[in-house]
Protein backbone atom coordinates (compact mmCIF):
# COMPACT_ATOMS: atom_id res chain seq x y z
CA MET A 1 96.93 -85.37 10.60
CA ILE A 2 96.54 -80.98 9.35
CA GLY A 3 99.85 -79.40 9.40
CA LEU A 4 100.56 -76.63 11.88
CA ALA A 5 101.82 -74.01 8.75
CA THR A 6 98.07 -75.30 7.39
CA LEU A 7 96.35 -74.59 10.36
CA SER A 8 97.09 -71.47 10.77
CA LEU A 9 96.51 -70.30 7.41
CA PHE A 10 92.92 -72.18 8.10
CA LEU A 11 92.36 -69.87 10.82
CA LEU A 12 93.30 -66.99 9.34
CA ALA A 13 91.20 -67.24 6.20
CA VAL A 14 88.06 -68.45 8.88
CA LEU A 15 88.84 -65.41 11.10
CA ALA A 16 88.55 -63.07 7.68
CA LEU A 17 85.28 -64.87 6.93
CA PHE A 18 84.12 -64.05 10.25
CA LEU A 19 84.29 -60.58 9.85
CA SER A 20 82.68 -60.84 6.69
CA PRO A 21 78.62 -59.74 7.61
CA GLY A 22 75.99 -62.45 6.92
CA PRO A 23 73.35 -64.58 7.69
CA ASN A 24 75.12 -66.05 10.60
CA MET A 25 76.38 -63.15 12.11
CA ALA A 26 72.86 -61.42 11.82
CA PHE A 27 71.47 -64.34 13.65
CA VAL A 28 73.41 -64.07 16.31
CA LEU A 29 73.00 -60.28 17.06
CA SER A 30 69.43 -60.16 16.57
CA HIS A 31 68.97 -62.72 19.50
CA GLY A 32 71.84 -61.34 21.26
CA VAL A 33 69.76 -57.96 21.50
CA ALA A 34 66.42 -59.86 21.70
CA HIS A 35 66.88 -62.34 24.53
CA GLY A 36 70.47 -60.96 26.15
CA PRO A 37 74.05 -62.63 26.18
CA ARG A 38 72.54 -65.92 26.55
CA GLY A 39 70.39 -65.75 23.83
CA GLY A 40 73.28 -64.58 21.51
CA PHE A 41 75.28 -67.94 23.09
CA ALA A 42 72.87 -70.52 22.43
CA ALA A 43 72.51 -68.85 18.88
CA ALA A 44 76.38 -69.44 18.72
CA LEU A 45 75.66 -73.09 19.59
CA GLY A 46 73.31 -73.86 17.41
CA ILE A 47 75.47 -72.51 14.26
CA SER A 48 78.55 -74.69 15.49
CA ALA A 49 76.53 -77.93 15.81
CA ALA A 50 75.33 -77.13 12.54
CA ASP A 51 79.15 -76.67 11.01
CA LEU A 52 79.52 -80.24 12.71
CA VAL A 53 76.79 -81.32 11.04
CA HIS A 54 77.80 -79.67 7.65
CA THR A 55 81.02 -81.05 8.48
CA LEU A 56 80.29 -84.91 8.47
CA PHE A 57 78.14 -84.50 5.12
CA ALA A 58 81.09 -83.23 3.60
CA ALA A 59 83.29 -85.91 4.86
CA THR A 60 81.26 -88.74 3.80
CA GLY A 61 79.96 -87.87 0.25
CA VAL A 62 76.31 -86.60 1.38
CA THR A 63 76.94 -82.84 0.08
CA ALA A 64 78.55 -84.12 -3.20
CA LEU A 65 75.01 -86.27 -3.63
CA VAL A 66 73.22 -83.37 -2.83
CA ALA A 67 75.21 -81.23 -5.19
CA ALA A 68 74.95 -83.72 -8.17
CA TRP A 69 70.98 -82.38 -8.07
CA PRO A 70 70.47 -78.87 -8.97
CA ALA A 71 66.50 -78.94 -7.84
CA SER A 72 67.78 -80.00 -3.61
CA PHE A 73 69.36 -76.83 -3.57
CA ASP A 74 65.80 -74.95 -4.43
CA VAL A 75 63.73 -76.95 -2.01
CA LEU A 76 66.61 -76.15 0.64
CA ARG A 77 66.33 -72.53 -0.33
CA TYR A 78 62.21 -72.06 -0.05
CA ALA A 79 61.94 -74.48 3.11
CA GLY A 80 64.36 -72.15 4.43
CA ALA A 81 62.97 -68.91 3.46
CA LEU A 82 59.74 -70.56 4.78
CA TYR A 83 61.27 -71.37 8.18
CA LEU A 84 62.51 -67.70 8.54
CA VAL A 85 59.12 -65.81 7.74
CA TRP A 86 57.34 -68.48 10.15
CA LEU A 87 60.22 -66.88 12.92
CA ALA A 88 59.46 -63.44 11.66
CA VAL A 89 56.02 -63.98 12.28
CA GLN A 90 56.27 -65.75 15.52
CA ALA A 91 58.69 -62.56 16.88
CA LEU A 92 55.97 -60.43 16.23
CA ARG A 93 53.08 -62.22 17.58
CA ASN A 94 55.02 -63.30 21.01
CA GLY A 95 57.10 -60.03 20.90
CA GLY A 96 60.08 -62.09 20.51
CA GLY A 97 59.93 -64.13 23.25
CA LEU A 98 60.72 -61.01 25.62
CA ARG A 99 59.16 -60.22 29.14
CA ILE A 100 56.65 -57.88 28.17
CA GLY A 101 54.36 -56.95 31.00
CA GLU A 102 54.00 -59.95 33.53
CA GLN A 103 52.45 -62.82 31.49
CA ALA A 104 55.32 -63.02 28.65
CA ARG A 105 57.98 -65.43 29.06
CA PRO A 106 61.45 -65.49 27.37
CA ALA A 107 62.31 -67.64 24.87
CA GLY A 108 64.18 -70.65 25.81
CA PHE A 109 67.66 -71.46 25.75
CA ALA A 110 67.09 -74.94 24.00
CA ARG A 111 64.29 -73.24 21.01
CA ILE A 112 67.07 -70.75 20.36
CA VAL A 113 69.67 -73.34 19.52
CA ARG A 114 67.32 -75.91 17.59
CA MET A 115 66.26 -71.96 15.47
CA SER A 116 69.89 -71.46 14.86
CA LEU A 117 70.34 -75.02 13.91
CA LEU A 118 68.15 -75.39 11.83
CA ASN A 119 68.54 -72.08 10.02
CA ASN A 120 72.15 -72.75 9.05
CA LEU A 121 71.42 -76.38 7.87
CA VAL A 122 68.41 -75.49 5.47
CA ASN A 123 70.87 -72.75 3.97
CA PRO A 124 72.08 -74.24 0.57
CA LYS A 125 75.35 -72.03 0.31
CA ALA A 126 76.49 -73.19 3.90
CA LEU A 127 76.14 -76.76 2.25
CA LEU A 128 78.20 -75.38 -1.24
CA PHE A 129 80.84 -73.58 1.43
CA PHE A 130 81.82 -76.74 3.11
CA MET A 131 82.30 -78.91 0.00
CA VAL A 132 84.41 -76.12 -1.48
CA PHE A 133 86.10 -74.17 1.30
CA LEU A 134 87.29 -77.06 3.41
CA PRO A 135 89.11 -79.33 0.56
CA GLN A 136 91.49 -76.21 0.26
CA PHE A 137 93.65 -76.87 3.48
CA VAL A 138 93.57 -81.00 2.81
CA ASP A 139 96.84 -82.61 1.75
CA PRO A 140 96.28 -85.65 0.25
CA ALA A 141 99.65 -87.13 1.38
CA ARG A 142 98.74 -86.65 4.97
CA GLY A 143 96.79 -89.67 5.11
CA SER A 144 92.91 -90.06 5.29
CA VAL A 145 90.70 -86.86 3.37
CA PRO A 146 87.69 -87.44 5.33
CA LEU A 147 89.69 -87.25 7.88
CA GLN A 148 91.47 -83.79 7.47
CA LEU A 149 88.04 -82.89 6.50
CA VAL A 150 86.67 -83.26 10.07
CA GLN A 151 89.60 -82.02 11.96
CA LEU A 152 89.49 -78.81 9.99
CA GLY A 153 85.51 -78.53 10.39
CA VAL A 154 85.97 -79.25 14.33
CA VAL A 155 88.59 -76.69 14.24
CA LEU A 156 86.22 -74.57 12.69
CA SER A 157 83.46 -75.31 14.62
CA LEU A 158 84.87 -74.55 17.84
CA ALA A 159 86.60 -70.85 16.13
CA ALA A 160 83.11 -70.43 15.20
CA LEU A 161 81.65 -70.89 18.98
CA ALA A 162 84.18 -68.50 19.91
CA PHE A 163 84.00 -65.85 17.91
CA ASN A 164 79.96 -65.79 18.15
CA THR A 165 79.99 -66.08 21.87
CA LEU A 166 81.62 -62.90 22.04
CA LEU A 167 79.49 -61.57 19.40
CA GLY A 168 76.54 -62.06 21.17
CA ALA A 169 78.09 -61.04 24.74
CA CYS A 170 78.63 -57.78 23.40
CA SER A 171 75.06 -57.78 21.49
CA GLY A 172 73.46 -58.99 24.51
CA GLN A 173 74.47 -56.18 26.38
CA ILE A 174 72.91 -53.97 24.18
CA GLY A 175 69.91 -55.59 24.43
CA ARG A 176 69.93 -55.78 28.35
CA TRP A 177 70.37 -51.91 28.18
CA LEU A 178 67.18 -51.61 25.92
CA GLN A 179 65.42 -53.75 28.28
CA ALA A 180 65.50 -51.40 31.03
CA ARG A 181 63.69 -49.05 29.00
CA PRO A 182 60.08 -48.37 28.32
CA GLY A 183 59.20 -49.55 25.29
CA ALA A 184 62.15 -51.52 24.25
CA ALA A 185 60.17 -55.16 24.29
CA ARG A 186 58.30 -54.20 20.96
CA LEU A 187 61.43 -52.26 19.52
CA GLN A 188 63.54 -55.63 20.24
CA SER A 189 60.79 -57.85 18.79
CA SER A 190 60.01 -56.03 15.42
CA LEU A 191 63.90 -56.08 14.74
CA LEU A 192 64.19 -59.38 15.00
CA ALA A 193 61.26 -60.25 12.94
CA ALA A 194 62.80 -57.42 10.51
CA VAL A 195 66.00 -59.39 10.63
CA MET A 196 64.20 -63.08 10.15
CA LEU A 197 62.09 -61.40 6.73
CA GLY A 198 65.60 -59.96 5.46
CA LEU A 199 67.29 -63.13 5.65
CA ALA A 200 64.27 -64.97 4.28
CA VAL A 201 64.61 -62.16 1.39
CA ARG A 202 68.32 -62.80 0.93
CA LEU A 203 68.29 -66.59 0.66
CA LEU A 204 65.45 -66.25 -1.67
CA PHE A 205 66.66 -64.09 -4.06
CA LEU A 206 70.51 -62.99 -3.51
CA ASP A 207 71.68 -66.09 -2.34
CA ARG A 208 71.04 -68.78 -4.79
CA PRO A 209 73.57 -71.02 -5.20
CA THR A 210 75.52 -71.16 -8.28
CA ALA A 211 75.90 -74.66 -8.83
CA ARG A 212 73.71 -75.43 -11.83
């Protein structure tokens, strides 16, 4: 089991990471603005689900196997960038799923969860993060290492859900305010597309994994 002192230190480190601007924060903020608090919560839920998957990968050694083949990071990076570009195009074509006129429909909750989940899973930096960050708080003397990794990952996932839900709710209120203004729908979809394109560029050129 994780000791109380270790858990407290872990939560402080996690909070510091949450407060640092990154792709997850950008994803939650943009979807909160574009789709309201519900959209922000859906994005937060997808991120937390991806955190659990990454935790299982790290605990079972899957991440280490992927890291042993450097080319796999490029595959993930290019796939993730293409997916983000596709999301940007969809946002522009469909108005970001906003209510533009009477024919447009809001983006489905499950669809945003899936987008958020996949966006996180194809980020090679996330794989490296869980492989490097979680083991720092593991004490082999306290028992099973994989079990401790899972415990830490669950705590991180729940903390991320709480933090990103609050972030999405705040940005969602901005989105509701914008939706009450004429012409704001197109602005919101353009903002969402710009964020997705920015994340794609970041993934391709700025987030190159260092495990080479």
